[in-house]
Each structure stands twice: as structure tokens, then as C-alpha cells.
Amino acid sequence: MITIDQARTVIAAGEARATQIGVPVNIAVLDAAVHLKAFSRMDGALLGSIDIALGKARTAALFGMRTEAIGEFCKPGGTSPGLENSNGGLVVFAGGLPIRNAEGTVIGAVGISGGAVAQDLDIAEAAAAAL
């Protein structure tokens, strides 16, 4: 499981990247059991994006995959249409990433929301890379 110090490192790296590109975001870090470990709502981040950040992290943790990869299964003609309606609802666009330890085991996930999808992904990648 992700430690609180690791979660704080992820949050700090996400905030740093978001500040660098000028996009206030919500950052959610969940453990591998999909429980909230840490959260940050930067000043000016959209209130409606809180739930999206949590949903992205939850989706990435549940499936151990990037949220946009899960979205590929849900697309028309994909192998799993309607998958986004499972597990109480998934968020299947970019900005959620699993966090793995050195052995490759999922220890948690990060979800970013508040910018354009590409910005959320950029920030999520910077946040997850901090570990």
C-alpha cells in the first residue's frame, strides 16, 4: 500500500507541475484498496472536478490501468461497451494513473481533474513519476 509520505510526494509533484503550466487542479491519491489517502484542491480548482479526480483515481486503482486505456474498451466497437457503467461508474478519459512499487505491484492511484484532458494527463504523469 502507498504510504502517507509517498502520497504527499505525489500531491506535491502534481501541484508543482500544475503551477508550472498554470492550471489549478484537484489531485486525489487513493491506496490500492481504493480508499482515499491524500487529496488537494488547489486554489481556483473547479469544484465540479473534485468528484472527477476521485473517480479517475478510483478507476485506475480498480483496474490497474490508465483511465484512457480503460476508455478504449468502452468506445463504440470496443470489446466492453458499457464498462464505464460498472463499479458504481467509472471515469474513462485521461488523468488517472495507477501507482506501482518497484516490483510492479499497484500500491495506489492518482487522479487529476481541473484542466483540459491533456493537461490533466500531463500533471498525473508528473505526479506519478515522483515515486
Protein backbone atom coordinates (compact mmCIF):
# COMPACT_ATOMS: atom_id res chain seq x y z
CA MET A 1 0.00 0.00 0.00
CA ILE A 2 1.05 3.56 -0.65
CA THR A 3 2.33 5.35 2.44
CA ILE A 4 1.23 8.81 3.51
CA ASP A 5 4.72 10.13 2.74
CA GLN A 6 4.51 8.69 -0.77
CA ALA A 7 1.03 10.15 -1.23
CA ARG A 8 2.28 13.57 -0.10
CA THR A 9 5.16 13.30 -2.59
CA VAL A 10 2.67 12.55 -5.39
CA ILE A 11 0.49 15.51 -4.35
CA ALA A 12 3.49 17.88 -4.18
CA ALA A 13 4.74 16.81 -7.62
CA GLY A 14 1.27 17.23 -9.10
CA GLU A 15 0.87 20.68 -7.58
CA ALA A 16 4.31 21.70 -8.83
CA ARG A 17 3.52 20.66 -12.41
CA ALA A 18 0.07 22.24 -12.30
CA THR A 19 1.58 25.50 -11.05
CA GLN A 20 4.24 25.34 -13.75
CA ILE A 21 1.63 25.12 -16.52
CA GLY A 22 -0.79 27.49 -14.80
CA VAL A 23 -3.70 25.09 -14.26
CA PRO A 24 -5.24 24.73 -10.79
CA VAL A 25 -6.45 21.17 -10.31
CA ASN A 26 -7.82 18.68 -7.85
CA ILE A 27 -5.46 15.83 -7.03
CA ALA A 28 -6.66 12.58 -5.47
CA VAL A 29 -4.38 9.80 -4.26
CA LEU A 30 -6.03 6.50 -3.35
CA ASP A 31 -4.48 3.35 -1.96
CA ALA A 32 -4.72 0.01 -3.75
CA ALA A 33 -7.93 -0.79 -1.86
CA VAL A 34 -9.48 2.34 -3.40
CA HIS A 35 -9.54 4.31 -0.14
CA LEU A 36 -8.60 7.99 -0.08
CA LYS A 37 -5.02 8.50 1.12
CA ALA A 38 -4.49 12.20 0.27
CA PHE A 39 -6.29 14.99 -1.56
CA SER A 40 -5.51 18.52 -2.67
CA ARG A 41 -7.79 21.14 -4.15
CA MET A 42 -5.57 23.90 -5.43
CA ASP A 43 -6.81 27.46 -5.12
CA GLY A 44 -9.07 28.15 -8.08
CA ALA A 45 -9.63 24.48 -8.97
CA LEU A 46 -13.12 23.74 -10.22
CA LEU A 47 -15.47 22.35 -7.58
CA GLY A 48 -17.08 20.04 -10.12
CA SER A 49 -13.71 18.44 -10.77
CA ILE A 50 -13.34 17.09 -7.23
CA ASP A 51 -15.54 14.08 -7.99
CA ILE A 52 -13.86 13.57 -11.36
CA ALA A 53 -10.36 13.46 -9.80
CA LEU A 54 -11.58 10.93 -7.24
CA GLY A 55 -13.27 8.90 -9.99
CA LYS A 56 -10.16 8.86 -12.15
CA ALA A 57 -8.02 7.63 -9.26
CA ARG A 58 -10.65 5.04 -8.32
CA THR A 59 -10.91 3.77 -11.89
CA ALA A 60 -7.12 3.48 -12.25
CA ALA A 61 -6.80 1.66 -8.92
CA LEU A 62 -9.66 -0.77 -9.61
CA PHE A 63 -8.27 -1.85 -12.97
CA GLY A 64 -4.54 -1.17 -12.54
CA MET A 65 -4.59 0.74 -15.82
CA ARG A 66 -4.50 4.27 -17.13
CA THR A 67 -8.02 5.65 -17.35
CA GLU A 68 -7.77 6.45 -21.05
CA ALA A 69 -6.78 2.82 -21.73
CA ILE A 70 -9.95 1.67 -19.99
CA GLY A 71 -11.84 4.16 -22.17
CA GLU A 72 -10.69 2.26 -25.25
CA PHE A 73 -12.68 -0.78 -24.08
CA CYS A 74 -15.82 1.37 -23.70
CA LYS A 75 -15.78 3.07 -27.09
CA PRO A 76 -18.33 2.11 -29.74
CA GLY A 77 -16.94 -1.02 -31.30
CA GLY A 78 -14.75 -1.67 -28.25
CA THR A 79 -14.63 -5.00 -26.50
CA SER A 80 -16.54 -3.88 -23.40
CA PRO A 81 -19.28 -1.38 -24.23
CA GLY A 82 -20.94 -0.15 -21.06
CA LEU A 83 -17.93 -0.95 -18.85
CA GLU A 84 -17.96 2.67 -17.70
CA ASN A 85 -21.29 1.96 -16.00
CA SER A 86 -19.85 -0.79 -13.81
CA ASN A 87 -18.46 -0.44 -10.29
CA GLY A 88 -20.75 2.47 -9.49
CA GLY A 89 -19.48 4.42 -12.50
CA LEU A 90 -16.00 4.80 -13.93
CA VAL A 91 -14.19 7.81 -15.35
CA VAL A 92 -12.65 6.62 -18.60
CA PHE A 93 -10.74 9.58 -20.02
CA ALA A 94 -7.15 10.59 -19.34
CA GLY A 95 -5.91 11.84 -15.99
CA GLY A 96 -5.97 8.73 -13.80
CA LEU A 97 -2.89 6.54 -13.38
CA PRO A 98 -2.08 3.54 -11.22
CA ILE A 99 0.95 3.90 -8.98
CA ARG A 100 3.22 0.86 -8.78
CA ASN A 101 6.07 -0.08 -6.49
CA ALA A 102 9.49 -1.22 -7.69
CA GLU A 103 8.16 -4.77 -8.16
CA GLY A 104 5.33 -3.53 -10.39
CA THR A 105 2.55 -4.10 -7.85
CA VAL A 106 -0.21 -1.48 -7.78
CA ILE A 107 0.05 0.36 -4.46
CA GLY A 108 -2.40 3.14 -5.29
CA ALA A 109 -3.51 5.58 -7.94
CA VAL A 110 -3.61 9.28 -8.71
CA GLY A 111 -6.43 11.18 -10.36
CA ILE A 112 -6.19 14.73 -11.67
CA SER A 113 -9.04 16.97 -12.82
CA GLY A 114 -9.46 20.65 -13.48
CA GLY A 115 -7.70 21.34 -16.75
CA ALA A 116 -8.14 20.12 -20.29
CA VAL A 117 -7.82 16.35 -20.54
CA ALA A 118 -4.28 16.60 -21.96
CA GLN A 119 -3.28 18.91 -19.09
CA ASP A 120 -4.74 16.54 -16.51
CA LEU A 121 -2.74 13.69 -18.04
CA ASP A 122 0.46 15.77 -18.09
CA ILE A 123 0.04 16.59 -14.40
CA ALA A 124 -0.87 12.99 -13.50
CA GLU A 125 2.25 11.70 -15.24
CA ALA A 126 4.43 14.19 -13.34
CA ALA A 127 2.73 13.28 -10.06
CA ALA A 128 3.09 9.52 -10.52
CA ALA A 129 6.70 9.87 -11.74
CA ALA A 130 7.65 11.43 -8.40
CA LEU A 131 7.78 7.90 -6.95
